[in-house]
Amino acid sequence: MYAIVDVKDKQFKVREDDTLYVPYHSDADEDDQLTLDRVLLVSDGSGDIAVGTPTVDDASVSASVVEHVKGDKVIVFKKKRRKRYRVKRGHRQQYTQIHIDALNVNGSSSTAADSSADTGDDDDSADADA
């Protein structure tokens, strides 16, 4: 099961237990829980796909913030030849590393749906014995 999620106008393909580097969330601290509500597409892995217009109703992704990191340094070098003009500057983009905990579709998480399906089979056999 996977989903396409919009995080600050960038799209990411997410699955459970994935670790992603998303644009910097200044209001989120480490070990905070995030709920990503802008789910654009959900696939259950067996070929059934739900495409949102623009988002899928009752779908969200639960994630936790691992840490805030900086990306690789990008060197910006400007030069105008024969004018004695040279400027060298660097930049490091900030990212937030998140861990995907669960994909919630139609108000229930995918891990909860899997465990309830297993217990539902056991309850049917217990009812038949009684």
N, C-alpha and C. Protein backbone atom coordinates (compact mmCIF):
# COMPACT_ATOMS: atom_id res chain seq x y z
N MET A 1 0.84 -1.17 0.00
CA MET A 1 0.00 0.00 0.00
C MET A 1 0.89 1.23 0.00
N TYR A 2 0.55 2.18 -0.86
CA TYR A 2 1.31 3.42 -0.90
C TYR A 2 0.36 4.58 -1.16
N ALA A 3 0.89 5.78 -0.97
CA ALA A 3 0.10 6.99 -1.19
C ALA A 3 1.02 8.07 -1.75
N ILE A 4 0.42 8.98 -2.51
CA ILE A 4 1.13 10.17 -2.98
C ILE A 4 0.64 11.33 -2.12
N VAL A 5 1.58 12.00 -1.45
CA VAL A 5 1.24 13.05 -0.48
C VAL A 5 1.87 14.36 -0.91
N ASP A 6 1.13 15.45 -0.73
CA ASP A 6 1.62 16.80 -1.01
C ASP A 6 2.08 17.43 0.29
N VAL A 7 3.39 17.70 0.40
CA VAL A 7 3.96 18.33 1.59
C VAL A 7 4.60 19.63 1.15
N LYS A 8 3.99 20.75 1.51
CA LYS A 8 4.49 22.07 1.16
C LYS A 8 4.77 22.18 -0.35
N ASP A 9 3.78 21.81 -1.15
CA ASP A 9 3.81 21.91 -2.61
C ASP A 9 4.86 21.02 -3.27
N LYS A 10 5.29 19.98 -2.60
CA LYS A 10 6.14 18.96 -3.20
C LYS A 10 5.47 17.62 -2.97
N GLN A 11 5.51 16.75 -3.98
CA GLN A 11 4.82 15.48 -3.91
C GLN A 11 5.80 14.35 -3.59
N PHE A 12 5.38 13.45 -2.69
CA PHE A 12 6.20 12.34 -2.26
C PHE A 12 5.38 11.06 -2.30
N LYS A 13 6.02 9.97 -2.71
CA LYS A 13 5.40 8.64 -2.65
C LYS A 13 5.81 8.04 -1.31
N VAL A 14 4.81 7.70 -0.48
CA VAL A 14 5.10 7.23 0.87
C VAL A 14 4.52 5.83 1.09
N ARG A 15 5.19 5.06 1.89
CA ARG A 15 4.74 3.76 2.39
C ARG A 15 5.00 3.73 3.88
N GLU A 16 4.42 2.77 4.56
CA GLU A 16 4.67 2.65 5.99
C GLU A 16 6.13 2.34 6.26
N ASP A 17 6.65 2.87 7.34
CA ASP A 17 8.03 2.70 7.78
C ASP A 17 9.05 3.31 6.84
N ASP A 18 8.64 4.25 5.98
CA ASP A 18 9.57 5.00 5.14
C ASP A 18 10.15 6.17 5.93
N THR A 19 11.34 6.59 5.54
CA THR A 19 11.96 7.78 6.08
C THR A 19 12.19 8.75 4.93
N LEU A 20 11.68 9.98 5.09
CA LEU A 20 11.74 10.97 4.02
C LEU A 20 12.39 12.25 4.50
N TYR A 21 12.97 12.99 3.56
CA TYR A 21 13.46 14.33 3.82
C TYR A 21 12.51 15.29 3.11
N VAL A 22 11.72 16.03 3.87
CA VAL A 22 10.71 16.94 3.32
C VAL A 22 11.15 18.37 3.60
N PRO A 23 10.54 19.36 2.94
CA PRO A 23 10.89 20.74 3.23
C PRO A 23 10.74 21.07 4.71
N TYR A 24 11.52 21.99 5.18
CA TYR A 24 11.65 22.32 6.60
C TYR A 24 10.32 22.74 7.22
N HIS A 25 9.97 22.09 8.34
CA HIS A 25 8.80 22.46 9.15
C HIS A 25 9.32 23.18 10.39
N SER A 26 9.21 24.49 10.41
CA SER A 26 9.77 25.26 11.52
C SER A 26 8.97 25.08 12.80
N ASP A 27 7.67 24.78 12.69
CA ASP A 27 6.84 24.66 13.88
C ASP A 27 6.88 23.26 14.49
N ALA A 28 7.52 22.30 13.88
CA ALA A 28 7.57 20.93 14.38
C ALA A 28 8.90 20.69 15.08
N ASP A 29 8.83 20.12 16.28
CA ASP A 29 10.03 19.75 17.03
C ASP A 29 10.29 18.27 16.84
N GLU A 30 11.45 17.82 17.30
CA GLU A 30 11.76 16.40 17.21
C GLU A 30 10.79 15.59 18.05
N ASP A 31 10.44 14.41 17.57
CA ASP A 31 9.49 13.48 18.20
C ASP A 31 8.05 13.98 18.19
N ASP A 32 7.75 15.03 17.44
CA ASP A 32 6.36 15.48 17.27
C ASP A 32 5.67 14.61 16.24
N GLN A 33 4.35 14.53 16.36
CA GLN A 33 3.54 13.80 15.39
C GLN A 33 2.98 14.76 14.36
N LEU A 34 3.08 14.40 13.09
CA LEU A 34 2.52 15.20 12.01
C LEU A 34 1.41 14.40 11.34
N THR A 35 0.37 15.11 10.91
CA THR A 35 -0.68 14.50 10.12
C THR A 35 -0.68 15.18 8.77
N LEU A 36 -0.38 14.41 7.72
CA LEU A 36 -0.34 14.93 6.37
C LEU A 36 -1.70 14.67 5.73
N ASP A 37 -2.49 15.74 5.56
CA ASP A 37 -3.87 15.60 5.10
C ASP A 37 -4.02 15.66 3.59
N ARG A 38 -3.05 16.23 2.89
CA ARG A 38 -3.18 16.39 1.44
C ARG A 38 -2.70 15.12 0.73
N VAL A 39 -3.56 14.10 0.73
CA VAL A 39 -3.27 12.83 0.07
C VAL A 39 -3.89 12.90 -1.32
N LEU A 40 -3.06 12.81 -2.35
CA LEU A 40 -3.51 12.96 -3.72
C LEU A 40 -3.92 11.64 -4.36
N LEU A 41 -3.32 10.53 -3.91
CA LEU A 41 -3.60 9.23 -4.51
C LEU A 41 -3.34 8.15 -3.47
N VAL A 42 -4.16 7.10 -3.48
CA VAL A 42 -3.97 5.97 -2.57
C VAL A 42 -4.08 4.70 -3.39
N SER A 43 -3.13 3.78 -3.21
CA SER A 43 -3.16 2.48 -3.87
C SER A 43 -3.01 1.41 -2.79
N ASP A 44 -3.84 0.36 -2.89
CA ASP A 44 -3.79 -0.69 -1.87
C ASP A 44 -2.82 -1.81 -2.23
N GLY A 45 -2.16 -1.73 -3.36
CA GLY A 45 -1.17 -2.72 -3.73
C GLY A 45 -1.71 -3.83 -4.62
N SER A 46 -3.03 -4.03 -4.63
CA SER A 46 -3.60 -5.09 -5.47
C SER A 46 -4.13 -4.53 -6.79
N GLY A 47 -3.87 -3.26 -7.05
CA GLY A 47 -4.31 -2.65 -8.31
C GLY A 47 -5.43 -1.65 -8.15
N ASP A 48 -6.06 -1.58 -6.97
CA ASP A 48 -7.11 -0.60 -6.76
C ASP A 48 -6.48 0.74 -6.40
N ILE A 49 -6.83 1.78 -7.18
CA ILE A 49 -6.26 3.10 -6.98
C ILE A 49 -7.39 4.09 -6.78
N ALA A 50 -7.25 4.95 -5.77
CA ALA A 50 -8.20 6.03 -5.53
C ALA A 50 -7.49 7.34 -5.80
N VAL A 51 -7.94 8.07 -6.81
CA VAL A 51 -7.35 9.35 -7.18
C VAL A 51 -8.26 10.44 -6.67
N GLY A 52 -7.70 11.42 -5.99
CA GLY A 52 -8.49 12.51 -5.43
C GLY A 52 -8.73 13.62 -6.43
N THR A 53 -9.73 14.44 -6.12
CA THR A 53 -10.05 15.61 -6.95
C THR A 53 -10.15 16.84 -6.07
N PRO A 54 -9.18 17.51 -5.63
CA PRO A 54 -7.75 17.25 -5.78
C PRO A 54 -7.19 16.29 -4.72
N THR A 55 -7.91 16.07 -3.60
CA THR A 55 -7.41 15.16 -2.58
C THR A 55 -8.40 14.04 -2.35
N VAL A 56 -7.92 12.95 -1.78
CA VAL A 56 -8.76 11.80 -1.45
C VAL A 56 -9.47 12.10 -0.13
N ASP A 57 -10.80 11.90 -0.11
CA ASP A 57 -11.58 12.16 1.11
C ASP A 57 -11.24 11.13 2.18
N ASP A 58 -11.21 11.57 3.43
CA ASP A 58 -10.98 10.72 4.60
C ASP A 58 -9.67 9.94 4.53
N ALA A 59 -8.65 10.51 3.93
CA ALA A 59 -7.34 9.86 3.86
C ALA A 59 -6.30 10.80 4.45
N SER A 60 -5.41 10.24 5.24
CA SER A 60 -4.33 11.02 5.82
C SER A 60 -3.15 10.09 6.09
N VAL A 61 -2.01 10.70 6.38
CA VAL A 61 -0.80 9.95 6.66
C VAL A 61 -0.26 10.44 8.00
N SER A 62 0.01 9.51 8.91
CA SER A 62 0.58 9.85 10.21
C SER A 62 2.09 9.69 10.14
N ALA A 63 2.79 10.72 10.59
CA ALA A 63 4.25 10.70 10.54
C ALA A 63 4.80 11.31 11.82
N SER A 64 6.04 10.96 12.14
CA SER A 64 6.71 11.55 13.29
C SER A 64 8.01 12.19 12.82
N VAL A 65 8.36 13.30 13.45
CA VAL A 65 9.56 14.05 13.09
C VAL A 65 10.77 13.38 13.76
N VAL A 66 11.77 13.04 12.95
CA VAL A 66 12.98 12.41 13.48
C VAL A 66 13.98 13.49 13.86
N GLU A 67 14.31 14.38 12.90
CA GLU A 67 15.25 15.47 13.19
C GLU A 67 15.21 16.50 12.07
N HIS A 68 15.83 17.63 12.32
CA HIS A 68 16.00 18.68 11.31
C HIS A 68 17.44 18.61 10.83
N VAL A 69 17.63 18.57 9.52
CA VAL A 69 18.96 18.43 8.95
C VAL A 69 19.16 19.47 7.86
N LYS A 70 20.42 19.63 7.45
CA LYS A 70 20.76 20.50 6.33
C LYS A 70 21.24 19.65 5.18
N GLY A 71 20.91 20.08 3.98
CA GLY A 71 21.33 19.37 2.78
C GLY A 71 22.78 19.68 2.43
N ASP A 72 23.21 19.16 1.31
CA ASP A 72 24.57 19.40 0.84
C ASP A 72 24.75 20.86 0.47
N LYS A 73 25.99 21.34 0.57
CA LYS A 73 26.27 22.72 0.24
C LYS A 73 26.25 22.93 -1.27
N VAL A 74 25.59 23.99 -1.68
CA VAL A 74 25.55 24.39 -3.08
C VAL A 74 26.37 25.66 -3.22
N ILE A 75 27.37 25.63 -4.09
CA ILE A 75 28.24 26.79 -4.29
C ILE A 75 27.64 27.66 -5.39
N VAL A 76 27.49 28.95 -5.09
CA VAL A 76 27.01 29.92 -6.08
C VAL A 76 28.19 30.83 -6.40
N PHE A 77 28.67 30.76 -7.64
CA PHE A 77 29.83 31.53 -8.06
C PHE A 77 29.43 32.43 -9.22
N LYS A 78 29.63 33.73 -9.04
CA LYS A 78 29.31 34.69 -10.09
C LYS A 78 30.60 35.36 -10.55
N LYS A 79 30.70 35.59 -11.85
CA LYS A 79 31.91 36.20 -12.39
C LYS A 79 31.57 36.97 -13.65
N LYS A 80 32.18 38.13 -13.77
CA LYS A 80 32.11 38.90 -15.01
C LYS A 80 33.54 39.08 -15.49
N ARG A 81 33.82 38.52 -16.61
CA ARG A 81 35.20 38.52 -17.07
C ARG A 81 35.66 39.93 -17.44
N ARG A 82 36.93 40.15 -17.18
CA ARG A 82 37.61 41.41 -17.46
C ARG A 82 37.05 42.59 -16.66
N LYS A 83 36.25 42.36 -15.65
CA LYS A 83 35.68 43.45 -14.85
C LYS A 83 36.10 43.37 -13.38
N ARG A 84 36.94 42.39 -13.03
CA ARG A 84 37.38 42.18 -11.66
C ARG A 84 36.21 41.95 -10.71
N TYR A 85 35.24 41.20 -11.18
CA TYR A 85 34.06 40.92 -10.36
C TYR A 85 33.95 39.41 -10.17
N ARG A 86 34.10 38.98 -8.91
CA ARG A 86 33.91 37.57 -8.55
C ARG A 86 33.24 37.52 -7.19
N VAL A 87 32.19 36.71 -7.08
CA VAL A 87 31.49 36.50 -5.81
C VAL A 87 31.29 35.01 -5.63
N LYS A 88 31.72 34.50 -4.48
CA LYS A 88 31.52 33.08 -4.17
C LYS A 88 30.73 32.97 -2.89
N ARG A 89 29.58 32.34 -2.98
CA ARG A 89 28.72 32.16 -1.81
C ARG A 89 28.24 30.71 -1.78
N GLY A 90 27.88 30.26 -0.60
CA GLY A 90 27.37 28.91 -0.44
C GLY A 90 26.00 28.93 0.22
N HIS A 91 25.27 27.84 0.03
CA HIS A 91 23.93 27.74 0.61
C HIS A 91 23.67 26.29 0.98
N ARG A 92 23.05 26.09 2.15
CA ARG A 92 22.64 24.75 2.58
C ARG A 92 21.15 24.79 2.89
N GLN A 93 20.38 24.02 2.15
CA GLN A 93 18.93 23.97 2.33
C GLN A 93 18.58 23.17 3.58
N GLN A 94 17.57 23.62 4.32
CA GLN A 94 17.14 22.91 5.51
C GLN A 94 16.00 21.95 5.18
N TYR A 95 16.07 20.75 5.76
CA TYR A 95 15.05 19.73 5.57
C TYR A 95 14.61 19.18 6.92
N THR A 96 13.45 18.56 6.93
CA THR A 96 12.96 17.86 8.10
C THR A 96 12.88 16.38 7.75
N GLN A 97 13.51 15.55 8.56
CA GLN A 97 13.46 14.11 8.33
C GLN A 97 12.27 13.56 9.09
N ILE A 98 11.37 12.86 8.37
CA ILE A 98 10.17 12.30 9.01
C ILE A 98 10.14 10.79 8.78
N HIS A 99 9.44 10.11 9.68
CA HIS A 99 9.24 8.67 9.58
C HIS A 99 7.73 8.43 9.44
N ILE A 100 7.33 7.69 8.42
CA ILE A 100 5.91 7.43 8.17
C ILE A 100 5.46 6.31 9.10
N ASP A 101 4.47 6.60 9.95
CA ASP A 101 3.97 5.61 10.90
C ASP A 101 2.82 4.79 10.32
N ALA A 102 1.82 5.47 9.72
CA ALA A 102 0.65 4.74 9.22
C ALA A 102 -0.02 5.52 8.10
N LEU A 103 -0.65 4.77 7.19
CA LEU A 103 -1.49 5.35 6.15
C LEU A 103 -2.94 5.16 6.58
N ASN A 104 -3.67 6.24 6.75
CA ASN A 104 -5.06 6.18 7.20
C ASN A 104 -5.98 6.42 6.01
N VAL A 105 -6.78 5.41 5.69
CA VAL A 105 -7.70 5.50 4.56
C VAL A 105 -9.11 5.26 5.09
N ASN A 106 -10.05 6.16 4.75
CA ASN A 106 -11.45 6.07 5.19
C ASN A 106 -11.58 6.02 6.70
N GLY A 107 -10.75 6.78 7.40
CA GLY A 107 -10.86 6.89 8.84
C GLY A 107 -10.18 5.78 9.62
N SER A 108 -9.62 4.77 8.97
CA SER A 108 -8.93 3.70 9.68
C SER A 108 -7.52 3.56 9.12
N SER A 109 -6.60 3.18 9.99
CA SER A 109 -5.22 3.03 9.53
C SER A 109 -5.06 1.66 8.88
N SER A 110 -4.08 1.54 8.01
CA SER A 110 -3.87 0.28 7.30
C SER A 110 -3.40 -0.81 8.25
N THR A 111 -2.63 -0.47 9.29
CA THR A 111 -2.18 -1.49 10.23
C THR A 111 -3.34 -1.94 11.11
N ALA A 112 -4.24 -1.04 11.47
CA ALA A 112 -5.40 -1.41 12.27
C ALA A 112 -6.36 -2.27 11.46
N ALA A 113 -6.50 -1.99 10.17
CA ALA A 113 -7.38 -2.79 9.32
C ALA A 113 -6.85 -4.20 9.15
N ASP A 114 -5.52 -4.35 9.05
CA ASP A 114 -4.94 -5.68 8.92
C ASP A 114 -5.14 -6.49 10.20
N SER A 115 -4.94 -5.89 11.35
CA SER A 115 -5.08 -6.63 12.61
C SER A 115 -6.55 -6.94 12.90
N SER A 116 -7.48 -6.04 12.54
CA SER A 116 -8.89 -6.31 12.79
C SER A 116 -9.41 -7.38 11.85
N ALA A 117 -8.85 -7.50 10.66
CA ALA A 117 -9.25 -8.55 9.74
C ALA A 117 -8.85 -9.91 10.30
N ASP A 118 -7.69 -9.98 10.94
CA ASP A 118 -7.26 -11.24 11.54
C ASP A 118 -8.14 -11.62 12.70
N THR A 119 -8.49 -10.67 13.56
CA THR A 119 -9.33 -10.98 14.71
C THR A 119 -10.76 -11.25 14.28
N GLY A 120 -11.21 -10.69 13.18
CA GLY A 120 -12.58 -10.92 12.70
C GLY A 120 -12.78 -12.37 12.29
N ASP A 121 -11.75 -13.01 11.71
CA ASP A 121 -11.86 -14.40 11.32
C ASP A 121 -11.96 -15.31 12.55
N ASP A 122 -11.23 -14.96 13.60
CA ASP A 122 -11.27 -15.75 14.81
C ASP A 122 -12.63 -15.65 15.50
N ASP A 123 -13.25 -14.47 15.45
CA ASP A 123 -14.55 -14.28 16.09
C ASP A 123 -15.62 -15.08 15.37
N ASP A 124 -15.54 -15.20 14.05
CA ASP A 124 -16.52 -15.97 13.31
C ASP A 124 -16.46 -17.45 13.69
N SER A 125 -15.25 -17.97 13.85
CA SER A 125 -15.12 -19.38 14.21
C SER A 125 -15.59 -19.61 15.65
N ALA A 126 -15.40 -18.63 16.54
CA ALA A 126 -15.85 -18.76 17.93
C ALA A 126 -17.38 -18.72 17.98
N ASP A 127 -18.04 -17.90 17.13
CA ASP A 127 -19.48 -17.82 17.08
C ASP A 127 -20.06 -19.13 16.55
N ALA A 128 -19.40 -19.77 15.61
CA ALA A 128 -19.89 -21.02 15.03
C ALA A 128 -19.83 -22.15 16.06
N ASP A 129 -18.81 -22.10 16.96
CA ASP A 129 -18.70 -23.15 17.98
C ASP A 129 -19.77 -22.99 19.03
N ALA A 130 -20.24 -21.78 19.31
CA ALA A 130 -21.22 -21.55 20.37
C ALA A 130 -22.59 -21.88 19.96
